[in-house]
């Protein structure tokens, strides 16, 4: 038990150093787990950043609740959050607290929640949050388990949210018909209010293509390292 406490303390100190030494953008590249993920959001230093990237860190329920508290903090300055490949939607209670905090936050402009196990109930909670949020412009919810697209259609038809420019929902369980309606409603809004005539479907495809390229790059790097290791083993065997 004592060793576990010492390890936990050392990990927290390392995270604190990483956050403090980063500029306006802090990137977490390693598996953190939910406990350390929660600690990230409890750090006063994280509140001063403009962008936080934490992909594949296994942030879950405790991390959701920690982020929710940070979003309510008057010192919260983060504008862009990239939280792809976590498990934030796996626990409805924590995710709903996150959505409640998002509904009143005024600094966050962009949030990426791709591949976070966000289901129907959590999807509805997020749509409700967008009804009162006044800062979010770019939302990425692709590759989750959201089946209710009606909540997002109703949100856009109501015009209660004036800030939202992009909303990516492909890769969920929403019908193509509803996805097309959502794209159409956003295109009309952007042309009317922002003068932005770039088709959202095209932007969506560009994001998907970029994501595929990143995945391929990682796969190639992994295979290259494996080939290098095999070559070294062959050289050793030949020498023997």
C-alpha atoms as a PDB file:
ATOM      1  CA  UNK A   1       0.000   0.000   0.000  1.00  0.00           C
ATOM      2  CA  UNK A   2       2.828   2.400   0.924  1.00  0.00           C
ATOM      3  CA  UNK A   3       4.538   1.679  -2.402  1.00  0.00           C
ATOM      4  CA  UNK A   4       1.296   2.386  -4.281  1.00  0.00           C
ATOM      5  CA  UNK A   5       0.923   5.745  -2.524  1.00  0.00           C
ATOM      6  CA  UNK A   6       4.539   6.648  -3.315  1.00  0.00           C
ATOM      7  CA  UNK A   7       4.075   5.683  -6.990  1.00  0.00           C
ATOM      8  CA  UNK A   8       0.855   7.686  -7.199  1.00  0.00           C
ATOM      9  CA  UNK A   9       2.562  10.726  -5.684  1.00  0.00           C
ATOM     10  CA  UNK A  10       5.479  10.431  -8.121  1.00  0.00           C
ATOM     11  CA  UNK A  11       3.092  10.188 -11.074  1.00  0.00           C
ATOM     12  CA  UNK A  12       1.218  13.269  -9.939  1.00  0.00           C
ATOM     13  CA  UNK A  13       4.458  15.201  -9.583  1.00  0.00           C
ATOM     14  CA  UNK A  14       5.482  14.188 -13.115  1.00  0.00           C
ATOM     15  CA  UNK A  15       2.115  15.335 -14.478  1.00  0.00           C
ATOM     16  CA  UNK A  16       2.410  18.624 -12.648  1.00  0.00           C
ATOM     17  CA  UNK A  17       5.856  19.185 -14.179  1.00  0.00           C
ATOM     18  CA  UNK A  18       4.537  18.380 -17.660  1.00  0.00           C
ATOM     19  CA  UNK A  19       1.621  20.784 -17.314  1.00  0.00           C
ATOM     20  CA  UNK A  20       3.793  23.546 -15.867  1.00  0.00           C
ATOM     21  CA  UNK A  21       6.507  23.195 -18.529  1.00  0.00           C
ATOM     22  CA  UNK A  22       4.089  23.192 -21.479  1.00  0.00           C
ATOM     23  CA  UNK A  23       3.201  26.369 -23.322  1.00  0.00           C
ATOM     24  CA  UNK A  24      -0.371  27.233 -24.229  1.00  0.00           C
ATOM     25  CA  UNK A  25      -0.913  23.651 -25.426  1.00  0.00           C
ATOM     26  CA  UNK A  26      -0.380  20.615 -23.209  1.00  0.00           C
ATOM     27  CA  UNK A  27      -0.305  17.120 -24.729  1.00  0.00           C
ATOM     28  CA  UNK A  28      -0.696  13.882 -22.792  1.00  0.00           C
ATOM     29  CA  UNK A  29       0.679  11.049 -24.930  1.00  0.00           C
ATOM     30  CA  UNK A  30       0.573   8.148 -22.494  1.00  0.00           C
ATOM     31  CA  UNK A  31      -2.070   6.003 -20.810  1.00  0.00           C
ATOM     32  CA  UNK A  32      -3.063   7.823 -17.621  1.00  0.00           C
ATOM     33  CA  UNK A  33      -6.023   5.899 -16.265  1.00  0.00           C
ATOM     34  CA  UNK A  34      -9.062   7.471 -14.660  1.00  0.00           C
ATOM     35  CA  UNK A  35      -7.440   8.339 -11.342  1.00  0.00           C
ATOM     36  CA  UNK A  36      -4.586  10.348 -12.849  1.00  0.00           C
ATOM     37  CA  UNK A  37      -6.976  11.688 -15.483  1.00  0.00           C
ATOM     38  CA  UNK A  38      -9.029  13.181 -12.687  1.00  0.00           C
ATOM     39  CA  UNK A  39      -5.889  14.684 -11.160  1.00  0.00           C
ATOM     40  CA  UNK A  40      -5.095  16.447 -14.459  1.00  0.00           C
ATOM     41  CA  UNK A  41      -8.298  18.491 -14.210  1.00  0.00           C
ATOM     42  CA  UNK A  42      -7.746  19.280 -10.528  1.00  0.00           C
ATOM     43  CA  UNK A  43      -4.435  20.994 -11.303  1.00  0.00           C
ATOM     44  CA  UNK A  44      -4.611  24.798 -11.108  1.00  0.00           C
ATOM     45  CA  UNK A  45      -1.983  25.002 -13.848  1.00  0.00           C
ATOM     46  CA  UNK A  46      -4.224  23.270 -16.403  1.00  0.00           C
ATOM     47  CA  UNK A  47      -6.772  26.065 -16.118  1.00  0.00           C
ATOM     48  CA  UNK A  48      -4.323  28.533 -17.675  1.00  0.00           C
ATOM     49  CA  UNK A  49      -3.820  26.545 -20.911  1.00  0.00           C
ATOM     50  CA  UNK A  50      -5.508  27.317 -24.237  1.00  0.00           C
ATOM     51  CA  UNK A  51      -5.517  23.755 -25.585  1.00  0.00           C
ATOM     52  CA  UNK A  52      -5.406  20.302 -23.998  1.00  0.00           C
ATOM     53  CA  UNK A  53      -4.846  17.139 -26.053  1.00  0.00           C
ATOM     54  CA  UNK A  54      -5.375  13.845 -24.224  1.00  0.00           C
ATOM     55  CA  UNK A  55      -5.971  11.038 -26.714  1.00  0.00           C
ATOM     56  CA  UNK A  56      -6.201   7.416 -25.618  1.00  0.00           C
ATOM     57  CA  UNK A  57      -5.533   8.171 -21.950  1.00  0.00           C
ATOM     58  CA  UNK A  58      -8.483   6.119 -20.608  1.00  0.00           C
ATOM     59  CA  UNK A  59     -10.219   8.994 -18.926  1.00  0.00           C
ATOM     60  CA  UNK A  60     -13.594   7.832 -17.619  1.00  0.00           C
ATOM     61  CA  UNK A  61     -16.071   8.682 -14.819  1.00  0.00           C
ATOM     62  CA  UNK A  62     -13.737  10.397 -12.320  1.00  0.00           C
ATOM     63  CA  UNK A  63     -12.118  12.328 -15.157  1.00  0.00           C
ATOM     64  CA  UNK A  64     -15.561  13.491 -16.336  1.00  0.00           C
ATOM     65  CA  UNK A  65     -16.419  14.789 -12.899  1.00  0.00           C
ATOM     66  CA  UNK A  66     -13.007  16.442 -12.546  1.00  0.00           C
ATOM     67  CA  UNK A  67     -13.363  18.155 -15.926  1.00  0.00           C
ATOM     68  CA  UNK A  68     -16.879  19.277 -15.002  1.00  0.00           C
ATOM     69  CA  UNK A  69     -15.529  21.026 -11.907  1.00  0.00           C
ATOM     70  CA  UNK A  70     -12.802  22.698 -13.957  1.00  0.00           C
ATOM     71  CA  UNK A  71     -15.320  23.944 -16.532  1.00  0.00           C
ATOM     72  CA  UNK A  72     -17.197  25.727 -13.752  1.00  0.00           C
ATOM     73  CA  UNK A  73     -14.033  27.343 -12.373  1.00  0.00           C
ATOM     74  CA  UNK A  74     -13.915  31.104 -13.161  1.00  0.00           C
ATOM     75  CA  UNK A  75     -10.202  30.706 -14.020  1.00  0.00           C
ATOM     76  CA  UNK A  76     -10.869  28.106 -16.736  1.00  0.00           C
ATOM     77  CA  UNK A  77      -9.211  29.435 -19.927  1.00  0.00           C
ATOM     78  CA  UNK A  78      -9.075  26.348 -22.169  1.00  0.00           C
ATOM     79  CA  UNK A  79     -10.504  26.971 -25.641  1.00  0.00           C
ATOM     80  CA  UNK A  80      -9.815  23.629 -27.345  1.00  0.00           C
ATOM     81  CA  UNK A  81     -10.181  20.124 -25.906  1.00  0.00           C
ATOM     82  CA  UNK A  82      -9.182  17.000 -27.823  1.00  0.00           C
ATOM     83  CA  UNK A  83     -10.246  13.914 -25.862  1.00  0.00           C
ATOM     84  CA  UNK A  84     -10.476  11.277 -28.581  1.00  0.00           C
ATOM     85  CA  UNK A  85     -10.210   7.572 -27.691  1.00  0.00           C
ATOM     86  CA  UNK A  86     -11.165   7.761 -24.031  1.00  0.00           C
ATOM     87  CA  UNK A  87     -14.160   6.302 -22.129  1.00  0.00           C
ATOM     88  CA  UNK A  88     -15.943   9.457 -21.029  1.00  0.00           C
ATOM     89  CA  UNK A  89     -19.350   8.199 -22.172  1.00  0.00           C
ATOM     90  CA  UNK A  90     -19.085   4.808 -20.479  1.00  0.00           C
ATOM     91  CA  UNK A  91     -20.496   6.192 -17.233  1.00  0.00           C
ATOM     92  CA  UNK A  92     -23.694   8.182 -17.719  1.00  0.00           C
ATOM     93  CA  UNK A  93     -23.595   9.906 -14.326  1.00  0.00           C
ATOM     94  CA  UNK A  94     -20.170  11.453 -14.872  1.00  0.00           C
ATOM     95  CA  UNK A  95     -20.895  12.392 -18.489  1.00  0.00           C
ATOM     96  CA  UNK A  96     -24.152  14.123 -17.548  1.00  0.00           C
ATOM     97  CA  UNK A  97     -22.251  16.223 -14.992  1.00  0.00           C
ATOM     98  CA  UNK A  98     -19.805  17.125 -17.755  1.00  0.00           C
ATOM     99  CA  UNK A  99     -22.681  18.195 -20.010  1.00  0.00           C
ATOM    100  CA  UNK A 100     -24.239  20.292 -17.250  1.00  0.00           C
ATOM    101  CA  UNK A 101     -20.941  22.129 -16.828  1.00  0.00           C
ATOM    102  CA  UNK A 102     -20.584  22.576 -20.604  1.00  0.00           C
ATOM    103  CA  UNK A 103     -24.018  24.157 -20.791  1.00  0.00           C
ATOM    104  CA  UNK A 104     -22.826  27.249 -18.901  1.00  0.00           C
ATOM    105  CA  UNK A 105     -19.138  27.365 -19.869  1.00  0.00           C
ATOM    106  CA  UNK A 106     -18.180  30.449 -21.892  1.00  0.00           C
ATOM    107  CA  UNK A 107     -14.561  29.829 -22.925  1.00  0.00           C
ATOM    108  CA  UNK A 108     -14.496  26.464 -24.731  1.00  0.00           C
ATOM    109  CA  UNK A 109     -14.681  26.862 -28.521  1.00  0.00           C
ATOM    110  CA  UNK A 110     -13.852  23.358 -29.761  1.00  0.00           C
ATOM    111  CA  UNK A 111     -14.285  19.874 -28.300  1.00  0.00           C
ATOM    112  CA  UNK A 112     -13.334  16.518 -29.848  1.00  0.00           C
ATOM    113  CA  UNK A 113     -15.070  13.514 -28.247  1.00  0.00           C
ATOM    114  CA  UNK A 114     -14.595  10.913 -30.959  1.00  0.00           C
ATOM    115  CA  UNK A 115     -14.559   7.267 -29.852  1.00  0.00           C
ATOM    116  CA  UNK A 116     -15.734   7.799 -26.279  1.00  0.00           C
ATOM    117  CA  UNK A 117     -18.550   5.227 -25.961  1.00  0.00           C
ATOM    118  CA  UNK A 118     -21.173   7.973 -25.899  1.00  0.00           C
ATOM    119  CA  UNK A 119     -24.600   6.331 -26.098  1.00  0.00           C
ATOM    120  CA  UNK A 120     -28.161   7.567 -26.590  1.00  0.00           C
ATOM    121  CA  UNK A 121     -28.718   9.020 -23.107  1.00  0.00           C
ATOM    122  CA  UNK A 122     -25.366  10.801 -23.072  1.00  0.00           C
ATOM    123  CA  UNK A 123     -25.968  12.059 -26.617  1.00  0.00           C
ATOM    124  CA  UNK A 124     -29.255  13.630 -25.529  1.00  0.00           C
ATOM    125  CA  UNK A 125     -27.521  15.213 -22.541  1.00  0.00           C
ATOM    126  CA  UNK A 126     -24.942  16.751 -24.873  1.00  0.00           C
ATOM    127  CA  UNK A 127     -27.655  18.106 -27.176  1.00  0.00           C
ATOM    128  CA  UNK A 128     -29.325  19.730 -24.144  1.00  0.00           C
ATOM    129  CA  UNK A 129     -26.012  21.297 -23.173  1.00  0.00           C
ATOM    130  CA  UNK A 130     -25.703  22.876 -26.624  1.00  0.00           C
ATOM    131  CA  UNK A 131     -29.062  24.589 -26.135  1.00  0.00           C
ATOM    132  CA  UNK A 132     -27.626  26.921 -23.511  1.00  0.00           C
ATOM    133  CA  UNK A 133     -23.921  26.925 -24.343  1.00  0.00           C
ATOM    134  CA  UNK A 134     -22.875  30.181 -26.015  1.00  0.00           C
ATOM    135  CA  UNK A 135     -19.222  29.561 -26.930  1.00  0.00           C
ATOM    136  CA  UNK A 136     -18.809  26.163 -28.616  1.00  0.00           C
ATOM    137  CA  UNK A 137     -18.302  26.461 -32.371  1.00  0.00           C
ATOM    138  CA  UNK A 138     -16.844  23.061 -33.317  1.00  0.00           C
ATOM    139  CA  UNK A 139     -18.081  19.759 -31.908  1.00  0.00           C
ATOM    140  CA  UNK A 140     -16.846  16.323 -32.993  1.00  0.00           C
ATOM    141  CA  UNK A 141     -18.893  13.336 -31.763  1.00  0.00           C
ATOM    142  CA  UNK A 142     -18.002  10.871 -34.511  1.00  0.00           C
ATOM    143  CA  UNK A 143     -17.615   7.120 -33.966  1.00  0.00           C
ATOM    144  CA  UNK A 144     -19.696   6.823 -30.810  1.00  0.00           C
ATOM    145  CA  UNK A 145     -22.972   4.970 -30.104  1.00  0.00           C
ATOM    146  CA  UNK A 146     -25.426   7.872 -30.423  1.00  0.00           C
ATOM    147  CA  UNK A 147     -28.695   6.711 -31.965  1.00  0.00           C
ATOM    148  CA  UNK A 148     -30.854   9.787 -31.383  1.00  0.00           C
ATOM    149  CA  UNK A 149     -30.250  12.370 -34.098  1.00  0.00           C
ATOM    150  CA  UNK A 150     -33.633  14.019 -33.540  1.00  0.00           C
ATOM    151  CA  UNK A 151     -32.339  15.950 -30.503  1.00  0.00           C
ATOM    152  CA  UNK A 152     -29.683  17.598 -32.667  1.00  0.00           C
ATOM    153  CA  UNK A 153     -32.156  18.341 -35.482  1.00  0.00           C
ATOM    154  CA  UNK A 154     -34.509  19.992 -32.999  1.00  0.00           C
ATOM    155  CA  UNK A 155     -31.592  21.941 -31.520  1.00  0.00           C
ATOM    156  CA  UNK A 156     -30.645  23.380 -34.914  1.00  0.00           C
ATOM    157  CA  UNK A 157     -34.237  24.104 -35.938  1.00  0.00           C
ATOM    158  CA  UNK A 158     -34.886  25.994 -32.703  1.00  0.00           C
ATOM    159  CA  UNK A 159     -32.021  28.449 -33.353  1.00  0.00           C
ATOM    160  CA  UNK A 160     -31.416  28.737 -29.595  1.00  0.00           C
ATOM    161  CA  UNK A 161     -27.706  28.105 -30.166  1.00  0.00           C
ATOM    162  CA  UNK A 162     -26.105  30.881 -32.208  1.00  0.00           C
ATOM    163  CA  UNK A 163     -22.434  29.883 -31.931  1.00  0.00           C
ATOM    164  CA  UNK A 164     -22.276  26.344 -33.365  1.00  0.00           C
ATOM    165  CA  UNK A 165     -20.633  26.119 -36.815  1.00  0.00           C
ATOM    166  CA  UNK A 166     -19.642  22.462 -37.189  1.00  0.00           C
ATOM    167  CA  UNK A 167     -21.148  19.311 -35.710  1.00  0.00           C
ATOM    168  CA  UNK A 168     -19.679  15.959 -36.765  1.00  0.00           C
ATOM    169  CA  UNK A 169     -21.893  12.944 -36.047  1.00  0.00           C
ATOM    170  CA  UNK A 170     -20.995  10.339 -38.652  1.00  0.00           C
ATOM    171  CA  UNK A 171     -19.996   6.900 -37.428  1.00  0.00           C
ATOM    172  CA  UNK A 172     -22.836   6.761 -34.884  1.00  0.00           C
ATOM    173  CA  UNK A 173     -26.171   4.949 -35.141  1.00  0.00           C
ATOM    174  CA  UNK A 174     -27.966   7.943 -36.619  1.00  0.00           C
ATOM    175  CA  UNK A 175     -29.754   7.404 -39.932  1.00  0.00           C
ATOM    176  CA  UNK A 176     -28.270   8.892 -43.111  1.00  0.00           C
ATOM    177  CA  UNK A 177     -31.477  10.890 -43.552  1.00  0.00           C
ATOM    178  CA  UNK A 178     -31.057  12.645 -40.209  1.00  0.00           C
ATOM    179  CA  UNK A 179     -27.335  13.201 -40.806  1.00  0.00           C
ATOM    180  CA  UNK A 180     -28.121  14.887 -44.126  1.00  0.00           C
ATOM    181  CA  UNK A 181     -30.738  17.069 -42.451  1.00  0.00           C
ATOM    182  CA  UNK A 182     -28.268  18.103 -39.753  1.00  0.00           C
ATOM    183  CA  UNK A 183     -25.657  18.967 -42.411  1.00  0.00           C
ATOM    184  CA  UNK A 184     -28.244  20.959 -44.360  1.00  0.00           C
ATOM    185  CA  UNK A 185     -29.406  22.931 -41.317  1.00  0.00           C
ATOM    186  CA  UNK A 186     -25.823  23.798 -40.383  1.00  0.00           C
ATOM    187  CA  UNK A 187     -24.948  24.791 -43.947  1.00  0.00           C
ATOM    188  CA  UNK A 188     -27.932  27.133 -44.077  1.00  0.00           C
ATOM    189  CA  UNK A 189     -26.994  28.667 -40.725  1.00  0.00           C
ATOM    190  CA  UNK A 190     -23.372  29.174 -41.735  1.00  0.00           C
ATOM    191  CA  UNK A 191     -24.246  30.766 -45.058  1.00  0.00           C
ATOM    192  CA  UNK A 192     -26.740  33.085 -43.422  1.00  0.00           C
ATOM    193  CA  UNK A 193     -24.824  34.096 -40.293  1.00  0.00           C
ATOM    194  CA  UNK A 194     -21.156  33.520 -40.968  1.00  0.00           C
ATOM    195  CA  UNK A 195     -20.837  33.672 -44.752  1.00  0.00           C
ATOM    196  CA  UNK A 196     -19.214  30.220 -44.651  1.00  0.00           C
ATOM    197  CA  UNK A 197     -20.284  28.242 -47.722  1.00  0.00           C
ATOM    198  CA  UNK A 198     -17.938  25.266 -47.391  1.00  0.00           C
ATOM    199  CA  UNK A 199     -20.139  22.129 -47.458  1.00  0.00           C
ATOM    200  CA  UNK A 200     -19.997  20.390 -44.096  1.00  0.00           C
ATOM    201  CA  UNK A 201     -20.022  17.001 -45.783  1.00  0.00           C
ATOM    202  CA  UNK A 202     -16.750  17.961 -47.509  1.00  0.00           C
ATOM    203  CA  UNK A 203     -15.229  19.181 -44.259  1.00  0.00           C
ATOM    204  CA  UNK A 204     -16.340  15.954 -42.573  1.00  0.00           C
ATOM    205  CA  UNK A 205     -14.682  13.860 -45.286  1.00  0.00           C
ATOM    206  CA  UNK A 206     -11.475  15.900 -44.945  1.00  0.00           C
ATOM    207  CA  UNK A 207     -11.393  15.217 -41.192  1.00  0.00           C
ATOM    208  CA  UNK A 208     -12.020  11.513 -41.736  1.00  0.00           C
ATOM    209  CA  UNK A 209      -9.253  11.362 -44.368  1.00  0.00           C
ATOM    210  CA  UNK A 210      -6.832  13.119 -42.035  1.00  0.00           C
ATOM    211  CA  UNK A 211      -7.707  10.670 -39.249  1.00  0.00           C
ATOM    212  CA  UNK A 212      -7.137   7.683 -41.556  1.00  0.00           C
ATOM    213  CA  UNK A 213      -3.746   9.087 -42.600  1.00  0.00           C
ATOM    214  CA  UNK A 214      -2.728   9.534 -38.960  1.00  0.00           C
ATOM    215  CA  UNK A 215      -3.735   5.943 -38.171  1.00  0.00           C
ATOM    216  CA  UNK A 216      -1.803   4.621 -41.188  1.00  0.00           C
ATOM    217  CA  UNK A 217       1.247   6.623 -40.189  1.00  0.00           C
ATOM    218  CA  UNK A 218       1.181   5.070 -36.710  1.00  0.00           C
ATOM    219  CA  UNK A 219       0.731   1.589 -38.177  1.00  0.00           C
ATOM    220  CA  UNK A 220       3.658   2.063 -40.569  1.00  0.00           C
ATOM    221  CA  UNK A 221       5.852   3.336 -37.732  1.00  0.00           C
ATOM    222  CA  UNK A 222       4.973   0.288 -35.639  1.00  0.00           C
ATOM    223  CA  UNK A 223       5.767  -2.095 -38.519  1.00  0.00           C
ATOM    224  CA  UNK A 224       9.022  -0.268 -39.223  1.00  0.00           C
ATOM    225  CA  UNK A 225      10.094  -0.706 -35.601  1.00  0.00           C
ATOM    226  CA  UNK A 226       9.134  -4.385 -35.738  1.00  0.00           C
ATOM    227  CA  UNK A 227      11.164  -4.903 -38.917  1.00  0.00           C
ATOM    228  CA  UNK A 228      14.141  -3.175 -37.305  1.00  0.00           C
ATOM    229  CA  UNK A 229      13.897  -5.438 -34.258  1.00  0.00           C
ATOM    230  CA  UNK A 230      13.658  -8.561 -36.445  1.00  0.00           C
ATOM    231  CA  UNK A 231      16.670  -7.432 -38.474  1.00  0.00           C
ATOM    232  CA  UNK A 232      18.696  -6.999 -35.296  1.00  0.00           C
ATOM    233  CA  UNK A 233      17.732 -10.479 -34.105  1.00  0.00           C
ATOM    234  CA  UNK A 234      18.691 -11.977 -37.480  1.00  0.00           C
ATOM    235  CA  UNK A 235      22.060 -10.226 -37.341  1.00  0.00           C
ATOM    236  CA  UNK A 236      22.706 -11.614 -33.859  1.00  0.00           C
ATOM    237  CA  UNK A 237      21.782 -15.140 -34.939  1.00  0.00           C
ATOM    238  CA  UNK A 238      24.083 -14.848 -37.991  1.00  0.00           C
ATOM    239  CA  UNK A 239      26.935 -13.667 -35.803  1.00  0.00           C
ATOM    240  CA  UNK A 240      26.474 -16.660 -33.513  1.00  0.00           C
END
